[in-house]
Protein backbone atom coordinates (compact mmCIF):
# COMPACT_ATOMS: atom_id res chain seq x y z
CA MET A 1 -64.36 13.37 -36.44
CA GLN A 2 -67.30 11.11 -35.61
CA LEU A 3 -66.65 7.68 -37.14
CA ILE A 4 -69.66 5.79 -35.80
CA ARG A 5 -73.25 6.93 -36.37
CA THR A 6 -75.51 3.85 -36.21
CA VAL A 7 -75.03 1.29 -33.44
CA SER A 8 -76.91 -2.01 -33.24
CA PHE A 9 -78.09 -3.44 -29.92
CA PRO A 10 -78.70 -7.18 -29.49
CA GLU A 11 -82.00 -6.73 -27.64
CA PRO A 12 -84.62 -3.98 -27.24
CA GLN A 13 -84.20 -3.73 -23.46
CA LEU A 14 -80.52 -2.84 -23.71
CA LEU A 15 -81.32 -0.04 -26.16
CA ALA A 16 -84.10 1.18 -23.87
CA ASP A 17 -81.82 1.13 -20.83
CA LEU A 18 -79.26 3.29 -22.63
CA SER A 19 -81.72 5.72 -24.22
CA PRO A 20 -81.70 8.53 -24.99
CA LEU A 21 -78.47 7.98 -26.88
CA PRO A 22 -75.94 10.80 -27.17
CA GLU A 23 -76.66 13.30 -29.92
CA GLY A 24 -75.36 12.12 -33.27
CA LEU A 25 -75.90 8.39 -32.61
CA THR A 26 -78.77 6.26 -33.84
CA GLY A 27 -79.61 2.97 -32.17
CA VAL A 28 -81.23 -0.04 -33.88
CA VAL A 29 -82.04 -3.53 -32.64
CA TRP A 30 -80.30 -6.44 -34.40
CA ASP A 31 -80.17 -9.84 -32.68
CA MET A 32 -77.46 -10.97 -35.13
CA GLN A 33 -79.54 -13.95 -36.25
CA GLY A 34 -78.96 -13.55 -39.97
CA ALA A 35 -78.31 -10.32 -41.84
CA PRO A 36 -79.42 -6.95 -40.42
CA ASP A 37 -82.72 -5.55 -41.66
CA GLU A 38 -82.19 -3.18 -44.58
CA ALA A 39 -84.57 -0.78 -42.86
CA HIS A 40 -81.90 -0.25 -40.22
CA GLY A 41 -79.75 1.56 -42.73
CA SER A 42 -75.98 1.42 -42.61
CA ILE A 43 -74.87 -0.06 -39.29
CA ASP A 44 -71.26 0.76 -38.49
CA GLY A 45 -71.12 -0.16 -34.78
CA VAL A 46 -72.28 -3.44 -33.19
CA ILE A 47 -72.79 -4.40 -29.55
CA LEU A 48 -72.56 -8.18 -29.25
CA PRO A 49 -74.97 -10.21 -27.12
CA TYR A 50 -73.67 -11.24 -23.72
CA LEU A 51 -74.65 -14.90 -23.94
CA ASN A 52 -73.66 -17.16 -26.85
CA ALA A 53 -72.00 -14.37 -28.81
CA GLY A 54 -69.69 -16.90 -30.43
CA ALA A 55 -72.64 -18.51 -32.20
CA VAL A 56 -73.43 -15.34 -34.15
CA LEU A 57 -69.97 -13.86 -34.75
CA ALA A 58 -69.96 -15.03 -38.36
CA ASN A 59 -72.80 -12.61 -39.12
CA LEU A 60 -70.51 -9.64 -38.53
CA ASN A 61 -69.36 -10.11 -42.11
CA LYS A 62 -72.88 -9.12 -43.19
CA VAL A 63 -72.28 -5.58 -41.93
CA ALA A 64 -70.79 -3.89 -44.96
CA ASP A 65 -69.43 -0.80 -43.22
CA LEU A 66 -68.40 -2.26 -39.86
CA LYS A 67 -66.07 0.02 -37.90
CA PHE A 68 -66.61 -0.89 -34.23
CA VAL A 69 -67.56 -3.99 -32.22
CA GLN A 70 -68.20 -3.97 -28.47
CA THR A 71 -68.31 -7.20 -26.48
CA GLN A 72 -70.17 -7.57 -23.21
CA SER A 73 -67.58 -10.06 -21.98
CA THR A 74 -63.99 -9.74 -20.87
CA GLY A 75 -62.95 -12.43 -23.32
CA PHE A 76 -62.91 -11.65 -27.03
CA ASP A 77 -62.02 -15.03 -28.51
CA GLY A 78 -62.64 -14.96 -32.25
CA VAL A 79 -64.12 -11.45 -32.29
CA ARG A 80 -61.18 -9.72 -33.94
CA GLU A 81 -61.04 -12.38 -36.62
CA ALA A 82 -64.79 -12.13 -37.28
CA ALA A 83 -64.76 -8.33 -37.34
CA GLY A 84 -61.75 -8.11 -39.63
CA PRO A 85 -58.71 -5.84 -39.28
CA GLY A 86 -60.56 -2.74 -40.43
CA ALA A 87 -62.89 -2.68 -37.42
CA ALA A 88 -62.09 -1.66 -33.88
CA VAL A 89 -62.90 -4.19 -31.15
CA ALA A 90 -63.45 -3.32 -27.48
CA ASN A 91 -64.04 -5.77 -24.63
CA ALA A 92 -65.79 -5.32 -21.29
CA SER A 93 -62.67 -5.38 -19.14
CA GLY A 94 -63.52 -4.52 -15.54
CA VAL A 95 -67.23 -5.26 -15.81
CA HIS A 96 -66.99 -8.88 -14.67
CA ALA A 97 -64.04 -8.64 -12.29
CA ALA A 98 -65.94 -8.46 -8.99
CA ALA A 99 -68.45 -11.21 -9.79
CA THR A 100 -65.85 -13.57 -11.26
CA ALA A 101 -63.55 -13.08 -8.27
CA GLU A 102 -66.49 -13.84 -5.95
CA LEU A 103 -67.19 -17.08 -7.78
CA ALA A 104 -63.53 -18.11 -7.62
CA VAL A 105 -63.54 -17.71 -3.84
CA GLY A 106 -66.82 -19.62 -3.64
CA LEU A 107 -65.47 -22.50 -5.72
CA ILE A 108 -62.31 -22.70 -3.62
CA LEU A 109 -64.23 -22.76 -0.34
CA ALA A 110 -66.84 -25.19 -1.62
CA LYS A 111 -64.23 -27.71 -2.77
CA LEU A 112 -61.86 -27.38 0.19
CA ARG A 113 -64.62 -27.58 2.81
CA GLY A 114 -66.54 -30.33 1.04
CA ILE A 115 -69.72 -28.34 0.45
CA ASP A 116 -70.21 -30.17 -2.85
CA GLN A 117 -70.08 -33.49 -1.02
CA ALA A 118 -72.45 -32.19 1.64
CA VAL A 119 -74.99 -31.40 -1.09
CA ARG A 120 -74.70 -34.97 -2.39
CA ASP A 121 -75.06 -36.33 1.15
CA GLN A 122 -78.17 -34.22 1.69
CA GLN A 123 -79.89 -35.91 -1.23
CA THR A 124 -79.56 -39.27 0.56
CA GLU A 125 -80.07 -37.91 4.10
CA ASN A 126 -76.53 -38.99 4.94
CA TRP A 127 -74.91 -37.31 7.98
CA ALA A 128 -71.17 -37.72 7.34
CA PRO A 129 -68.96 -35.16 9.12
CA GLN A 130 -65.29 -35.05 8.09
CA ARG A 131 -62.31 -32.85 8.85
CA ARG A 132 -61.63 -30.85 5.69
CA GLN A 133 -58.97 -28.41 4.52
CA SER A 134 -59.24 -24.75 5.47
CA LEU A 135 -58.49 -21.97 3.05
CA ALA A 136 -56.50 -20.38 5.86
CA ASP A 137 -52.78 -21.17 5.56
CA ARG A 138 -53.11 -22.50 2.00
CA ARG A 139 -50.48 -21.54 -0.57
CA VAL A 140 -52.30 -20.06 -3.57
CA LEU A 141 -50.75 -19.68 -7.04
CA LEU A 142 -52.70 -17.00 -8.92
CA LEU A 143 -52.29 -16.93 -12.70
CA GLY A 144 -53.31 -13.54 -14.05
CA ILE A 145 -52.90 -10.09 -12.50
CA GLY A 146 -55.38 -8.03 -14.54
CA GLY A 147 -58.71 -6.77 -13.28
CA ILE A 148 -60.06 -10.15 -12.17
CA GLY A 149 -56.72 -11.13 -10.67
CA GLN A 150 -56.56 -7.93 -8.67
CA GLU A 151 -60.10 -8.38 -7.35
CA LEU A 152 -59.41 -12.00 -6.43
CA ALA A 153 -56.18 -11.09 -4.62
CA ARG A 154 -58.11 -8.52 -2.56
CA ARG A 155 -60.75 -11.08 -1.63
CA LEU A 156 -58.20 -13.73 -0.66
CA GLU A 157 -56.24 -11.45 1.66
CA PRO A 158 -58.60 -11.81 4.69
CA PHE A 159 -58.38 -15.62 4.44
CA GLU A 160 -54.74 -15.62 5.61
CA VAL A 161 -53.34 -17.36 2.55
CA THR A 162 -49.86 -17.15 1.10
CA LEU A 163 -50.40 -15.69 -2.36
CA THR A 164 -47.99 -16.00 -5.29
CA ARG A 165 -48.91 -14.00 -8.41
CA VAL A 166 -47.91 -15.00 -11.93
CA GLY A 167 -47.95 -12.79 -15.03
CA SER A 168 -46.51 -13.06 -18.51
CA THR A 169 -43.16 -11.64 -17.33
CA ALA A 170 -41.39 -11.22 -14.00
CA ARG A 171 -41.66 -7.75 -12.49
CA THR A 172 -42.56 -5.78 -9.40
CA ASP A 173 -45.72 -3.70 -9.12
CA ASP A 174 -47.56 -1.84 -6.36
CA GLN A 175 -48.64 -5.14 -4.81
CA GLY A 176 -45.17 -6.70 -4.82
CA GLN A 177 -43.51 -9.43 -6.83
CA VAL A 178 -44.96 -10.90 -9.99
CA HIS A 179 -43.41 -14.13 -11.23
CA SER A 180 -42.98 -15.10 -14.86
CA SER A 181 -45.19 -17.78 -16.36
CA ALA A 182 -41.96 -19.38 -17.54
CA ASP A 183 -41.42 -20.43 -13.92
CA LEU A 184 -44.88 -21.96 -13.54
CA GLU A 185 -43.78 -25.59 -13.34
CA THR A 186 -41.29 -24.80 -10.57
CA LEU A 187 -43.78 -22.65 -8.67
CA ALA A 188 -46.47 -25.33 -8.88
CA ARG A 189 -44.43 -27.70 -6.73
CA SER A 190 -44.91 -25.58 -3.61
CA HIS A 191 -48.57 -24.56 -3.87
CA ASP A 192 -51.81 -26.14 -2.68
CA ILE A 193 -54.18 -24.22 -4.96
CA LEU A 194 -53.68 -23.04 -8.54
CA VAL A 195 -56.20 -20.47 -9.79
CA SER A 196 -56.27 -19.30 -13.41
CA VAL A 197 -58.01 -16.07 -14.39
CA LEU A 198 -55.97 -15.78 -17.58
CA PRO A 199 -57.31 -14.69 -20.98
CA LEU A 200 -56.78 -16.97 -23.94
CA ASN A 201 -54.02 -16.23 -26.42
CA ASP A 202 -51.20 -18.11 -28.14
CA HIS A 203 -49.03 -17.90 -25.03
CA THR A 204 -51.67 -19.05 -22.51
CA HIS A 205 -53.19 -21.90 -24.54
CA HIS A 206 -52.57 -25.09 -22.49
CA LEU A 207 -50.21 -23.15 -20.24
CA VAL A 208 -51.48 -25.38 -17.44
CA GLY A 209 -50.60 -28.66 -19.07
CA THR A 210 -49.24 -32.07 -18.17
CA LYS A 211 -45.97 -30.86 -16.65
CA VAL A 212 -47.48 -28.10 -14.52
CA LEU A 213 -50.27 -30.36 -13.27
CA ALA A 214 -47.80 -33.16 -12.47
CA ALA A 215 -45.71 -30.69 -10.46
CA LEU A 216 -48.59 -29.80 -8.13
CA PRO A 217 -48.59 -31.66 -4.78
CA ASP A 218 -50.96 -34.54 -4.20
CA GLY A 219 -54.41 -33.25 -3.25
CA ALA A 220 -53.88 -29.82 -4.80
CA LEU A 221 -56.88 -27.91 -6.16
CA VAL A 222 -57.00 -26.48 -9.71
CA VAL A 223 -59.51 -23.65 -10.23
CA ASN A 224 -60.26 -22.06 -13.61
CA VAL A 225 -62.52 -19.02 -13.96
CA GLY A 226 -60.64 -17.45 -16.89
CA ARG A 227 -60.68 -19.30 -20.21
CA GLY A 228 -61.13 -23.04 -20.63
CA PRO A 229 -58.29 -23.82 -23.06
CA VAL A 230 -55.69 -22.29 -20.71
CA VAL A 231 -55.90 -25.66 -18.93
CA ASP A 232 -55.30 -28.86 -20.87
CA THR A 233 -58.60 -30.67 -20.22
CA ASP A 234 -57.26 -34.14 -21.05
CA ALA A 235 -54.28 -33.74 -18.73
CA LEU A 236 -56.44 -32.32 -15.95
CA THR A 237 -59.05 -35.07 -16.34
CA ALA A 238 -56.40 -37.76 -15.98
CA GLU A 239 -55.09 -36.23 -12.73
CA VAL A 240 -58.55 -35.60 -11.27
CA VAL A 241 -60.10 -38.97 -12.17
CA SER A 242 -57.04 -40.72 -10.72
CA GLY A 243 -57.78 -39.00 -7.42
CA ARG A 244 -54.45 -37.19 -7.20
CA LEU A 245 -55.82 -33.66 -7.85
CA GLN A 246 -59.12 -31.86 -7.33
CA CYS A 247 -60.63 -29.22 -9.61
CA ALA A 248 -63.30 -26.53 -9.51
CA LEU A 249 -64.11 -25.20 -12.97
CA ASP A 250 -66.37 -22.46 -14.24
CA VAL A 251 -64.78 -22.64 -17.70
CA MET A 252 -63.55 -25.65 -19.62
CA ASP A 253 -62.61 -26.88 -23.04
CA PRO A 254 -64.87 -27.71 -24.78
CA GLU A 255 -67.95 -25.85 -23.60
CA PRO A 256 -70.39 -27.12 -22.75
CA LEU A 257 -68.63 -30.14 -21.31
CA PRO A 258 -69.96 -33.12 -23.32
CA LYS A 259 -72.41 -35.51 -21.70
CA GLY A 260 -70.60 -38.58 -20.44
CA HIS A 261 -67.31 -36.74 -19.88
CA PRO A 262 -65.46 -38.23 -16.88
CA LEU A 263 -65.33 -34.88 -15.06
CA TRP A 264 -69.13 -34.92 -14.69
CA SER A 265 -69.10 -38.05 -12.57
CA THR A 266 -65.99 -37.77 -10.41
CA ASP A 267 -66.38 -36.49 -6.86
CA ASN A 268 -63.06 -34.69 -7.22
CA ALA A 269 -64.54 -32.16 -9.67
CA LEU A 270 -66.90 -29.25 -9.04
CA ILE A 271 -68.37 -27.69 -12.18
CA THR A 272 -70.33 -24.50 -12.78
CA PRO A 273 -71.58 -23.62 -16.31
CA HIS A 274 -69.49 -20.51 -17.12
CA VAL A 275 -71.42 -18.13 -14.88
CA GLY A 276 -68.52 -16.16 -13.41
CA GLY A 277 -69.69 -12.78 -14.65
CA ASN A 278 -73.37 -13.60 -14.90
CA ALA A 279 -74.49 -12.11 -11.59
CA SER A 280 -76.41 -9.09 -10.34
CA ALA A 281 -73.23 -6.99 -10.47
CA PHE A 282 -73.17 -7.33 -14.26
CA GLU A 283 -76.04 -5.08 -15.30
CA PRO A 284 -75.07 -1.79 -13.61
CA ARG A 285 -71.46 -2.23 -14.62
CA ILE A 286 -72.12 -3.05 -18.27
CA LEU A 287 -74.55 -0.13 -18.57
CA LYS A 288 -71.94 2.20 -17.10
CA LEU A 289 -69.31 1.00 -19.57
CA LEU A 290 -71.64 1.16 -22.58
CA LYS A 291 -72.73 4.71 -21.71
CA HIS A 292 -69.08 5.71 -21.59
CA GLN A 293 -68.40 4.03 -24.94
CA LEU A 294 -71.40 5.61 -26.65
CA HIS A 295 -70.44 9.09 -25.46
CA ALA A 296 -66.92 8.54 -26.75
CA LEU A 297 -68.22 7.42 -30.14
CA ALA A 298 -70.58 10.40 -30.39
CA ALA A 299 -67.75 12.78 -29.54
CA GLY A 300 -65.45 11.27 -32.17
CA GLU A 301 -63.08 10.00 -29.49
CA THR A 302 -61.45 6.62 -28.98
CA PRO A 303 -63.54 4.28 -26.80
CA ALA A 304 -62.03 2.42 -23.87
CA ASN A 305 -60.79 -1.19 -23.72
CA LEU A 306 -59.75 -1.48 -27.36
CA VAL A 307 -58.10 -4.81 -28.16
CA GLN A 308 -57.98 -3.89 -31.86
CA GLN A 309 -57.58 -0.28 -32.95
CA GLY A 310 -59.24 -0.38 -36.37
CA PRO A 311 -60.08 3.17 -37.55
CA PHE A 312 -59.30 4.68 -34.12
CA GLU A 313 -55.54 4.41 -34.63
CA GLN A 314 -55.11 8.18 -34.82
CA VAL A 315 -58.14 9.28 -32.78
CA PRO A 316 -57.64 10.88 -29.33
CA SER A 317 -58.72 8.81 -26.32
CA ARG A 318 -61.63 9.74 -24.11
CA GLN A 319 -60.45 10.55 -20.59
CA GLY A 320 -61.88 9.00 -17.47
CA GLN A 321 -62.87 5.45 -18.36
CA SER A 322 -65.93 4.73 -16.25
CA ALA A 323 -65.79 0.94 -16.26
């Protein structure tokens, strides 16, 4: 049975890129700034904007018959709460994995090899060669073994690192051993680089806190391309400003980082403004996923990547996820 018939798109171009829609679906444009236009009729499916979706989530409660919400991001912080338990919520798992993994490698290399300092030196025409750390032979502690974690592990392999993977529980998979996050403090003591690609939930909030950071060796590098609140910003700031640790952050808590925050001005920090997935790889991958989701909805099947089942609890899944 087809549950979704009218889907809103946050911008006209996205609707155009995905047109013609599968038979049985109607597409309308709603930017989520305020209530949807009554001329749109009864919207029951919503595709969220990619950028600044959190700022408009509250307007989901203005959709009276909401049954399905699709994010364009891997993270879905606050979406389930805004949609309510009666609506299904799907994220864009897999869409951002390649680009985010690329950025993580770039941040690691830039900080270890002093590329950030070289940029500062260039501004003052200062020629200041130094011997820096190589990524080769570093011991890397990778937090998160989902799509982004898998892509990052693949990209790190040619750099001749020693990689330790950490998940929620200890187990063995096709790639070898996965350690439990309960052992994180102990594991931190023997690693040069800690990289978090973790999603945010009750278990991961401030998982990288004072004790884990204190356990890292002097000079260790903390990289976060997952979710900001996984790392305790106050604890990290204290370690980085003191000069004991370095950090390279694409996500932080809060976002944006407030003007005047100590991390802006310390040479031990490298900051990018949450752009991990915002690269040329995004568009073809999100279009591929959304086409798959729309065909599933038109066929009365369960869409992929559900993080909340909503009305699809008893609906058969669509085979062959294309994301």
